[in-house]
C-alpha atoms as a PDB file:
ATOM      1  CA  MET A   1      34.894  26.091  23.794  1.00  0.00           C
ATOM      2  CA  LYS A   2      33.020  27.319  26.855  1.00  0.00           C
ATOM      3  CA  GLY A   3      31.630  24.435  28.133  1.00  0.00           C
ATOM      4  CA  ALA A   4      31.319  22.437  24.729  1.00  0.00           C
ATOM      5  CA  THR A   5      33.299  19.049  24.983  1.00  0.00           C
ATOM      6  CA  LEU A   6      32.158  17.021  21.913  1.00  0.00           C
ATOM      7  CA  LEU A   7      30.765  18.318  18.454  1.00  0.00           C
ATOM      8  CA  ILE A   8      28.457  16.506  16.338  1.00  0.00           C
ATOM      9  CA  ILE A   9      30.600  14.834  13.531  1.00  0.00           C
ATOM     10  CA  TYR A  10      27.713  13.373  11.155  1.00  0.00           C
ATOM     11  CA  ARG A  11      27.353  16.626   9.118  1.00  0.00           C
ATOM     12  CA  THR A  12      24.496  17.085   6.458  1.00  0.00           C
ATOM     13  CA  SER A  13      23.475  19.753   4.035  1.00  0.00           C
ATOM     14  CA  LYS A  14      20.838  21.255   6.358  1.00  0.00           C
ATOM     15  CA  PHE A  15      23.317  21.171   9.288  1.00  0.00           C
ATOM     16  CA  ASN A  16      25.847  22.936   7.257  1.00  0.00           C
ATOM     17  CA  ASP A  17      23.512  25.791   6.085  1.00  0.00           C
ATOM     18  CA  TYR A  18      22.161  26.045   9.693  1.00  0.00           C
ATOM     19  CA  CYS A  19      26.012  26.569  11.184  1.00  0.00           C
ATOM     20  CA  PHE A  20      26.616  29.118   8.372  1.00  0.00           C
ATOM     21  CA  GLN A  21      23.571  31.252   8.926  1.00  0.00           C
ATOM     22  CA  HIS A  22      24.087  31.051  12.750  1.00  0.00           C
ATOM     23  CA  PRO A  23      27.984  31.328  13.274  1.00  0.00           C
ATOM     24  CA  ASN A  24      27.922  32.532  16.798  1.00  0.00           C
ATOM     25  CA  SER A  25      25.161  30.808  18.235  1.00  0.00           C
ATOM     26  CA  LEU A  26      26.979  29.673  21.512  1.00  0.00           C
ATOM     27  CA  GLU A  27      23.501  28.779  23.165  1.00  0.00           C
ATOM     28  CA  THR A  28      22.453  26.654  20.606  1.00  0.00           C
ATOM     29  CA  LEU A  29      25.805  24.860  20.405  1.00  0.00           C
ATOM     30  CA  LEU A  30      25.771  24.349  24.068  1.00  0.00           C
ATOM     31  CA  SER A  31      22.368  22.963  23.830  1.00  0.00           C
ATOM     32  CA  TRP A  32      23.327  20.385  21.150  1.00  0.00           C
ATOM     33  CA  ASN A  33      26.233  19.484  23.395  1.00  0.00           C
ATOM     34  CA  LYS A  34      23.751  18.785  26.252  1.00  0.00           C
ATOM     35  CA  VAL A  35      21.779  16.302  24.124  1.00  0.00           C
ATOM     36  CA  TYR A  36      24.753  14.711  21.968  1.00  0.00           C
ATOM     37  CA  HIS A  37      27.594  14.415  24.731  1.00  0.00           C
ATOM     38  CA  GLN A  38      26.656  10.765  26.118  1.00  0.00           C
ATOM     39  CA  PRO A  39      25.486   9.659  22.819  1.00  0.00           C
ATOM     40  CA  LEU A  40      28.765  10.698  21.090  1.00  0.00           C
ATOM     41  CA  LEU A  41      31.065   9.112  23.779  1.00  0.00           C
ATOM     42  CA  ARG A  42      29.077   5.735  23.293  1.00  0.00           C
ATOM     43  CA  LEU A  43      29.598   6.352  19.560  1.00  0.00           C
ATOM     44  CA  GLU A  44      33.203   6.697  19.842  1.00  0.00           C
ATOM     45  CA  SER A  45      33.671   3.420  22.388  1.00  0.00           C
ATOM     46  CA  ARG A  46      31.521   1.401  19.247  1.00  0.00           C
ATOM     47  CA  LEU A  47      33.682   2.300  16.967  1.00  0.00           C
ATOM     48  CA  THR A  48      36.855   1.841  18.926  1.00  0.00           C
ATOM     49  CA  ALA A  49      35.687  -1.846  19.768  1.00  0.00           C
ATOM     50  CA  GLN A  50      34.477  -2.594  16.542  1.00  0.00           C
ATOM     51  CA  GLU A  51      38.071  -1.489  15.081  1.00  0.00           C
ATOM     52  CA  ALA A  52      39.276  -4.278  17.440  1.00  0.00           C
ATOM     53  CA  ASN A  53      36.933  -6.666  15.822  1.00  0.00           C
ATOM     54  CA  ASP A  54      34.711  -6.627  19.027  1.00  0.00           C
ATOM     55  CA  PHE A  55      30.948  -6.369  17.499  1.00  0.00           C
ATOM     56  CA  SER A  56      29.134  -7.574  20.436  1.00  0.00           C
ATOM     57  CA  GLY A  57      27.934  -4.170  21.326  1.00  0.00           C
ATOM     58  CA  ARG A  58      28.843  -4.613  25.282  1.00  0.00           C
ATOM     59  CA  CYS A  59      30.672  -1.170  25.332  1.00  0.00           C
ATOM     60  CA  ASP A  60      27.614   0.561  25.417  1.00  0.00           C
ATOM     61  CA  LEU A  61      26.774  -1.199  28.885  1.00  0.00           C
ATOM     62  CA  ASP A  62      29.798   0.711  30.331  1.00  0.00           C
ATOM     63  CA  ASP A  63      27.667   3.533  30.694  1.00  0.00           C
ATOM     64  CA  GLU A  64      26.273   2.868  33.879  1.00  0.00           C
ATOM     65  CA  ARG A  65      23.066   4.649  33.599  1.00  0.00           C
ATOM     66  CA  ILE A  66      22.367   2.188  30.606  1.00  0.00           C
ATOM     67  CA  SER A  67      23.580  -1.040  32.384  1.00  0.00           C
ATOM     68  CA  GLU A  68      21.234  -0.133  35.235  1.00  0.00           C
ATOM     69  CA  GLN A  69      18.428  -0.631  32.883  1.00  0.00           C
ATOM     70  CA  ILE A  70      19.421  -3.932  31.513  1.00  0.00           C
ATOM     71  CA  THR A  71      18.340  -7.031  33.364  1.00  0.00           C
ATOM     72  CA  VAL A  72      20.343  -9.595  31.183  1.00  0.00           C
ATOM     73  CA  PRO A  73      24.134 -10.834  32.217  1.00  0.00           C
ATOM     74  CA  THR A  74      26.723  -8.874  29.899  1.00  0.00           C
ATOM     75  CA  ASN A  75      27.947 -12.200  28.573  1.00  0.00           C
ATOM     76  CA  ASN A  76      24.435 -12.545  27.122  1.00  0.00           C
ATOM     77  CA  TRP A  77      24.729  -9.201  25.196  1.00  0.00           C
ATOM     78  CA  ARG A  78      25.331  -9.881  21.831  1.00  0.00           C
ATOM     79  CA  ASP A  79      24.488  -7.430  19.023  1.00  0.00           C
ATOM     80  CA  ASP A  80      26.363  -9.821  16.462  1.00  0.00           C
ATOM     81  CA  CYS A  81      24.938 -13.156  17.378  1.00  0.00           C
ATOM     82  CA  CYS A  82      22.924 -15.218  14.499  1.00  0.00           C
ATOM     83  CA  GLU A  83      24.430 -18.823  15.760  1.00  0.00           C
ATOM     84  CA  TRP A  84      22.670 -21.957  15.923  1.00  0.00           C
ATOM     85  CA  PHE A  85      20.993 -23.039  19.246  1.00  0.00           C
ATOM     86  CA  ASN A  86      22.726 -26.412  18.766  1.00  0.00           C
ATOM     87  CA  MET A  87      24.306 -28.670  16.001  1.00  0.00           C
ATOM     88  CA  SER A  88      21.587 -31.241  16.185  1.00  0.00           C
ATOM     89  CA  GLU A  89      19.012 -28.911  15.009  1.00  0.00           C
ATOM     90  CA  LYS A  90      21.367 -27.435  12.145  1.00  0.00           C
ATOM     91  CA  ALA A  91      21.971 -31.105  11.029  1.00  0.00           C
ATOM     92  CA  GLU A  92      18.041 -31.768  11.013  1.00  0.00           C
ATOM     93  CA  TYR A  93      17.633 -28.371   9.068  1.00  0.00           C
ATOM     94  CA  LEU A  94      20.266 -29.140   6.704  1.00  0.00           C
ATOM     95  CA  ALA A  95      18.645 -32.720   5.999  1.00  0.00           C
ATOM     96  CA  ASN A  96      15.552 -31.104   5.069  1.00  0.00           C
ATOM     97  CA  HIS A  97      16.153 -28.066   3.290  1.00  0.00           C
ATOM     98  CA  ASN A  98      18.347 -26.647   0.406  1.00  0.00           C
ATOM     99  CA  LEU A  99      17.958 -23.066   0.263  1.00  0.00           C
ATOM    100  CA  GLU A 100      20.479 -21.067  -1.789  1.00  0.00           C
ATOM    101  CA  PRO A 101      22.354 -18.253   0.321  1.00  0.00           C
ATOM    102  CA  SER A 102      21.655 -14.629  -0.381  1.00  0.00           C
ATOM    103  CA  SER A 103      24.884 -13.785   1.413  1.00  0.00           C
ATOM    104  CA  HIS A 104      28.614 -14.774   1.823  1.00  0.00           C
ATOM    105  CA  ASP A 105      29.320 -12.132   4.241  1.00  0.00           C
ATOM    106  CA  THR A 106      30.061 -12.224   7.719  1.00  0.00           C
ATOM    107  CA  THR A 107      28.066 -10.596  10.334  1.00  0.00           C
ATOM    108  CA  ALA A 108      30.851  -8.618  11.455  1.00  0.00           C
ATOM    109  CA  SER A 109      31.572  -7.398   8.024  1.00  0.00           C
ATOM    110  CA  ILE A 110      27.891  -6.043   7.370  1.00  0.00           C
ATOM    111  CA  ILE A 111      27.958  -4.356  10.730  1.00  0.00           C
ATOM    112  CA  ARG A 112      31.443  -2.667   9.767  1.00  0.00           C
ATOM    113  CA  ASN A 113      30.662  -2.170   6.092  1.00  0.00           C
ATOM    114  CA  GLY A 114      26.999  -2.154   5.324  1.00  0.00           C
ATOM    115  CA  VAL A 115      24.844  -4.911   3.283  1.00  0.00           C
ATOM    116  CA  LYS A 116      26.495  -5.674   0.055  1.00  0.00           C
ATOM    117  CA  GLY A 117      29.125  -3.120   1.279  1.00  0.00           C
ATOM    118  CA  ASP A 118      27.197  -0.154   0.730  1.00  0.00           C
ATOM    119  CA  GLN A 119      28.514   1.975   3.704  1.00  0.00           C
ATOM    120  CA  ASN A 120      26.453   4.946   2.522  1.00  0.00           C
ATOM    121  CA  ARG A 121      23.424   3.267   3.561  1.00  0.00           C
ATOM    122  CA  ASN A 122      24.812   1.676   6.738  1.00  0.00           C
ATOM    123  CA  LYS A 123      23.645   3.838   9.965  1.00  0.00           C
ATOM    124  CA  SER A 124      24.071   0.837  12.481  1.00  0.00           C
ATOM    125  CA  HIS A 125      27.059   2.610  14.330  1.00  0.00           C
ATOM    126  CA  PHE A 126      24.728   5.485  15.020  1.00  0.00           C
ATOM    127  CA  VAL A 127      21.635   3.714  16.633  1.00  0.00           C
ATOM    128  CA  ASP A 128      22.051   4.135  20.582  1.00  0.00           C
ATOM    129  CA  LEU A 129      20.522   3.526  23.836  1.00  0.00           C
ATOM    130  CA  VAL A 130      18.803   6.548  24.971  1.00  0.00           C
ATOM    131  CA  LEU A 131      17.559   6.830  28.508  1.00  0.00           C
ATOM    132  CA  TYR A 132      14.476   9.183  29.317  1.00  0.00           C
ATOM    133  CA  GLU A 133      12.177   9.522  32.220  1.00  0.00           C
ATOM    134  CA  ILE A 134       8.267   9.223  32.435  1.00  0.00           C
ATOM    135  CA  LYS A 135       6.326  10.848  35.164  1.00  0.00           C
ATOM    136  CA  SER A 136       3.070   9.546  36.330  1.00  0.00           C
ATOM    137  CA  ARG A 137      -0.071  11.380  36.272  1.00  0.00           C
ATOM    138  CA  GLU A 138      -0.987  10.600  39.768  1.00  0.00           C
ATOM    139  CA  ASP A 139      -2.303  13.943  41.674  1.00  0.00           C
ATOM    140  CA  VAL A 140      -0.869  13.093  45.196  1.00  0.00           C
ATOM    141  CA  LYS A 141       2.597  12.066  44.354  1.00  0.00           C
ATOM    142  CA  PRO A 142       3.800  11.696  40.806  1.00  0.00           C
ATOM    143  CA  VAL A 143       6.285   8.868  40.306  1.00  0.00           C
ATOM    144  CA  THR A 144       9.168   9.152  37.840  1.00  0.00           C
ATOM    145  CA  CYS A 145      10.357   5.954  35.958  1.00  0.00           C
ATOM    146  CA  LYS A 146      13.440   5.339  33.960  1.00  0.00           C
ATOM    147  CA  CYS A 147      12.925   3.845  30.724  1.00  0.00           C
ATOM    148  CA  LEU A 148      15.586   3.034  27.484  1.00  0.00           C
ATOM    149  CA  ALA A 149      14.389   3.944  23.873  1.00  0.00           C
ATOM    150  CA  ILE A 150      16.275   2.580  20.957  1.00  0.00           C
ATOM    151  CA  CYS A 151      17.002   5.413  18.818  1.00  0.00           C
ATOM    152  CA  PRO A 152      19.292   6.826  16.022  1.00  0.00           C
ATOM    153  CA  ILE A 153      21.092  10.053  16.690  1.00  0.00           C
ATOM    154  CA  VAL A 154      21.363  11.133  13.120  1.00  0.00           C
ATOM    155  CA  HIS A 155      18.761  11.342  10.373  1.00  0.00           C
ATOM    156  CA  ILE A 156      17.776   7.965   8.506  1.00  0.00           C
ATOM    157  CA  SER A 157      16.377   7.576   5.457  1.00  0.00           C
ATOM    158  CA  SER A 158      14.194   4.915   4.268  1.00  0.00           C
ATOM    159  CA  GLY A 159      15.962   1.686   3.465  1.00  0.00           C
ATOM    160  CA  ASP A 160      19.108   2.465   5.630  1.00  0.00           C
ATOM    161  CA  PHE A 161      20.529  -0.651   7.391  1.00  0.00           C
ATOM    162  CA  LEU A 162      20.055  -0.109  11.149  1.00  0.00           C
ATOM    163  CA  GLY A 163      22.077  -3.597  12.491  1.00  0.00           C
ATOM    164  CA  THR A 164      21.046  -7.321  12.878  1.00  0.00           C
ATOM    165  CA  PHE A 165      18.630  -8.553  15.422  1.00  0.00           C
ATOM    166  CA  PRO A 166      20.325 -10.776  17.798  1.00  0.00           C
ATOM    167  CA  GLY A 167      19.427 -14.277  18.929  1.00  0.00           C
ATOM    168  CA  ARG A 168      19.894 -17.877  18.114  1.00  0.00           C
ATOM    169  CA  ILE A 169      18.409 -19.957  15.144  1.00  0.00           C
ATOM    170  CA  ARG A 170      16.336 -22.610  16.304  1.00  0.00           C
ATOM    171  CA  TYR A 171      14.625 -25.585  14.142  1.00  0.00           C
ATOM    172  CA  THR A 172      12.018 -27.154  16.360  1.00  0.00           C
ATOM    173  CA  SER A 173       8.609 -27.817  16.238  1.00  0.00           C
ATOM    174  CA  GLN A 174       8.258 -26.200  19.987  1.00  0.00           C
ATOM    175  CA  VAL A 175       7.731 -22.486  19.902  1.00  0.00           C
ATOM    176  CA  PRO A 176      10.774 -20.942  21.537  1.00  0.00           C
ATOM    177  CA  LYS A 177       9.699 -18.513  24.724  1.00  0.00           C
ATOM    178  CA  ALA A 178      10.776 -15.253  22.703  1.00  0.00           C
ATOM    179  CA  ALA A 179      10.981 -15.990  19.005  1.00  0.00           C
ATOM    180  CA  ILE A 180      10.520 -14.437  15.508  1.00  0.00           C
ATOM    181  CA  LYS A 181       9.011 -16.921  12.848  1.00  0.00           C
ATOM    182  CA  GLY A 182      11.397 -17.811   9.727  1.00  0.00           C
ATOM    183  CA  PRO A 183      11.276 -18.164   6.274  1.00  0.00           C
ATOM    184  CA  VAL A 184      10.539 -21.879   6.660  1.00  0.00           C
ATOM    185  CA  SER A 185       8.237 -24.157   8.725  1.00  0.00           C
ATOM    186  CA  THR A 186       9.698 -24.595  12.539  1.00  0.00           C
ATOM    187  CA  LEU A 187      12.572 -22.146  11.742  1.00  0.00           C
ATOM    188  CA  TRP A 188      12.836 -19.367  14.527  1.00  0.00           C
ATOM    189  CA  LEU A 189      15.205 -16.652  15.819  1.00  0.00           C
ATOM    190  CA  ASP A 190      15.013 -17.392  19.607  1.00  0.00           C
ATOM    191  CA  ASN A 191      16.160 -14.388  21.599  1.00  0.00           C
ATOM    192  CA  SER A 192      15.331 -15.400  24.852  1.00  0.00           C
ATOM    193  CA  GLN A 193      18.839 -16.171  25.812  1.00  0.00           C
ATOM    194  CA  VAL A 194      20.958 -13.990  23.745  1.00  0.00           C
ATOM    195  CA  THR A 195      19.850 -10.367  23.322  1.00  0.00           C
ATOM    196  CA  GLY A 196      21.404  -6.813  22.307  1.00  0.00           C
ATOM    197  CA  LYS A 197      20.512  -3.250  21.395  1.00  0.00           C
ATOM    198  CA  LEU A 198      17.921  -3.983  18.703  1.00  0.00           C
ATOM    199  CA  ASN A 199      16.274  -6.588  20.935  1.00  0.00           C
ATOM    200  CA  GLN A 200      15.070  -3.784  23.011  1.00  0.00           C
ATOM    201  CA  MET A 201      12.946  -2.137  20.309  1.00  0.00           C
ATOM    202  CA  ARG A 202       9.527  -1.345  21.059  1.00  0.00           C
ATOM    203  CA  VAL A 203       7.330  -3.453  19.228  1.00  0.00           C
ATOM    204  CA  ALA A 204       4.232  -2.184  17.758  1.00  0.00           C
ATOM    205  CA  GLU A 205       0.734  -2.548  19.394  1.00  0.00           C
ATOM    206  CA  ALA A 206      -2.661  -2.306  17.444  1.00  0.00           C
ATOM    207  CA  GLY A 207      -2.954   0.934  15.533  1.00  0.00           C
ATOM    208  CA  ASP A 208       0.786   1.776  16.309  1.00  0.00           C
ATOM    209  CA  GLU A 209       2.886   2.884  13.074  1.00  0.00           C
ATOM    210  CA  THR A 210       5.999   1.254  12.760  1.00  0.00           C
ATOM    211  CA  ASN A 211       9.176   2.532  11.064  1.00  0.00           C
ATOM    212  CA  VAL A 212      11.597  -0.359  10.548  1.00  0.00           C
ATOM    213  CA  CYS A 213      11.052  -3.896   9.137  1.00  0.00           C
ATOM    214  CA  LEU A 214      13.014  -7.148   9.802  1.00  0.00           C
ATOM    215  CA  ALA A 215      14.508  -9.222   6.764  1.00  0.00           C
ATOM    216  CA  TRP A 216      15.491 -12.781   7.376  1.00  0.00           C
ATOM    217  CA  GLU A 217      18.621 -13.538   4.938  1.00  0.00           C
ATOM    218  CA  GLY A 218      20.133 -16.876   4.072  1.00  0.00           C
ATOM    219  CA  VAL A 219      24.057 -17.140   4.861  1.00  0.00           C
ATOM    220  CA  ASN A 220      26.899 -19.272   3.863  1.00  0.00           C
ATOM    221  CA  GLU A 221      30.155 -17.732   4.571  1.00  0.00           C
ATOM    222  CA  MET A 222      31.884 -19.819   2.148  1.00  0.00           C
ATOM    223  CA  GLU A 223      32.163 -18.306  -1.247  1.00  0.00           C
ATOM    224  CA  GLY A 224      30.889 -20.762  -3.783  1.00  0.00           C
ATOM    225  CA  GLN A 225      29.044 -22.916  -1.771  1.00  0.00           C
ATOM    226  CA  ARG A 226      25.463 -23.446  -2.760  1.00  0.00           C
ATOM    227  CA  PHE A 227      23.226 -23.846   0.224  1.00  0.00           C
ATOM    228  CA  CYS A 228      22.456 -21.920   3.256  1.00  0.00           C
ATOM    229  CA  GLN A 229      24.084 -22.881   6.439  1.00  0.00           C
ATOM    230  CA  CYS A 230      22.760 -20.349   8.624  1.00  0.00           C
ATOM    231  CA  PHE A 231      20.361 -17.286   8.852  1.00  0.00           C
ATOM    232  CA  ARG A 232      20.522 -13.708  10.249  1.00  0.00           C
ATOM    233  CA  ILE A 233      17.774 -10.917  10.517  1.00  0.00           C
ATOM    234  CA  LEU A 234      18.521  -7.586   8.947  1.00  0.00           C
ATOM    235  CA  VAL A 235      16.594  -4.460  10.454  1.00  0.00           C
ATOM    236  CA  PHE A 236      15.924  -1.824   7.706  1.00  0.00           C
ATOM    237  CA  ALA A 237      14.345   1.407   8.110  1.00  0.00           C
ATOM    238  CA  THR A 238      10.846   1.612   6.151  1.00  0.00           C
ATOM    239  CA  ARG A 239      10.519   5.545   6.205  1.00  0.00           C
ATOM    240  CA  ASP A 240      12.560   8.662   7.080  1.00  0.00           C
ATOM    241  CA  ILE A 241      13.453   8.603  10.789  1.00  0.00           C
ATOM    242  CA  MET A 242      14.171  11.725  12.833  1.00  0.00           C
ATOM    243  CA  PRO A 243      17.202  11.835  15.567  1.00  0.00           C
ATOM    244  CA  PHE A 244      16.309  10.538  18.887  1.00  0.00           C
ATOM    245  CA  GLU A 245      12.982   8.854  17.407  1.00  0.00           C
ATOM    246  CA  GLN A 246      12.001   5.789  18.846  1.00  0.00           C
ATOM    247  CA  LEU A 247      12.593   2.585  16.515  1.00  0.00           C
ATOM    248  CA  VAL A 248       9.336   0.556  16.260  1.00  0.00           C
ATOM    249  CA  ARG A 249       9.309  -2.939  15.058  1.00  0.00           C
ATOM    250  CA  PRO A 250       6.205  -4.920  13.940  1.00  0.00           C
ATOM    251  CA  LEU A 251       5.407  -7.872  15.899  1.00  0.00           C
END
């Protein structure tokens, strides 16, 4: 279509209205294609990988411009990881706590189908790694730096599910190098060794406004089992977020 190779496939009423009002705006269409071409290619690869039961998100790193900005080994990239660091820490946790699980779903299931099967609020597929450039303000010789932002490529509503925050579950009195505190004492999500897309979110500094929250969920994948065997962190939007607006989480 005169240079357009992919069309946006996530349609809203506003999108439909605009198309009806501007049916012959090829210039607008080509400008959209320029913005959405690479994100839609990654979206296609992401959904294809998930159909093959690969929820690691490693296919996002097939884009060399993205992978060049990632410093961790590919094998450590796990969008779906919420495993225990080791079995001895798991055993110690189980010996000291008997929390009831709030979910029996696998992590793969909620990434595919949404939390509690709510597919309409599941926008995790549309969260992308977006490359952008920053130019320094030096007068003599400005320097351009490439950076990654974690952004949705579609409109997000408050309460939408955006994915799981990957890492390994720790039960230890020693604070891990990079960790988020859990719902019970000495419980942590350690993301120093395993990382993924949502680990790359910008962390709010003093005075910054956040647009997502992190919610711990107790998990036992065996139906009918009373006690929580593991945990994961769910990421939800706390307000409406526009396409290509950077996700910002609390500390």
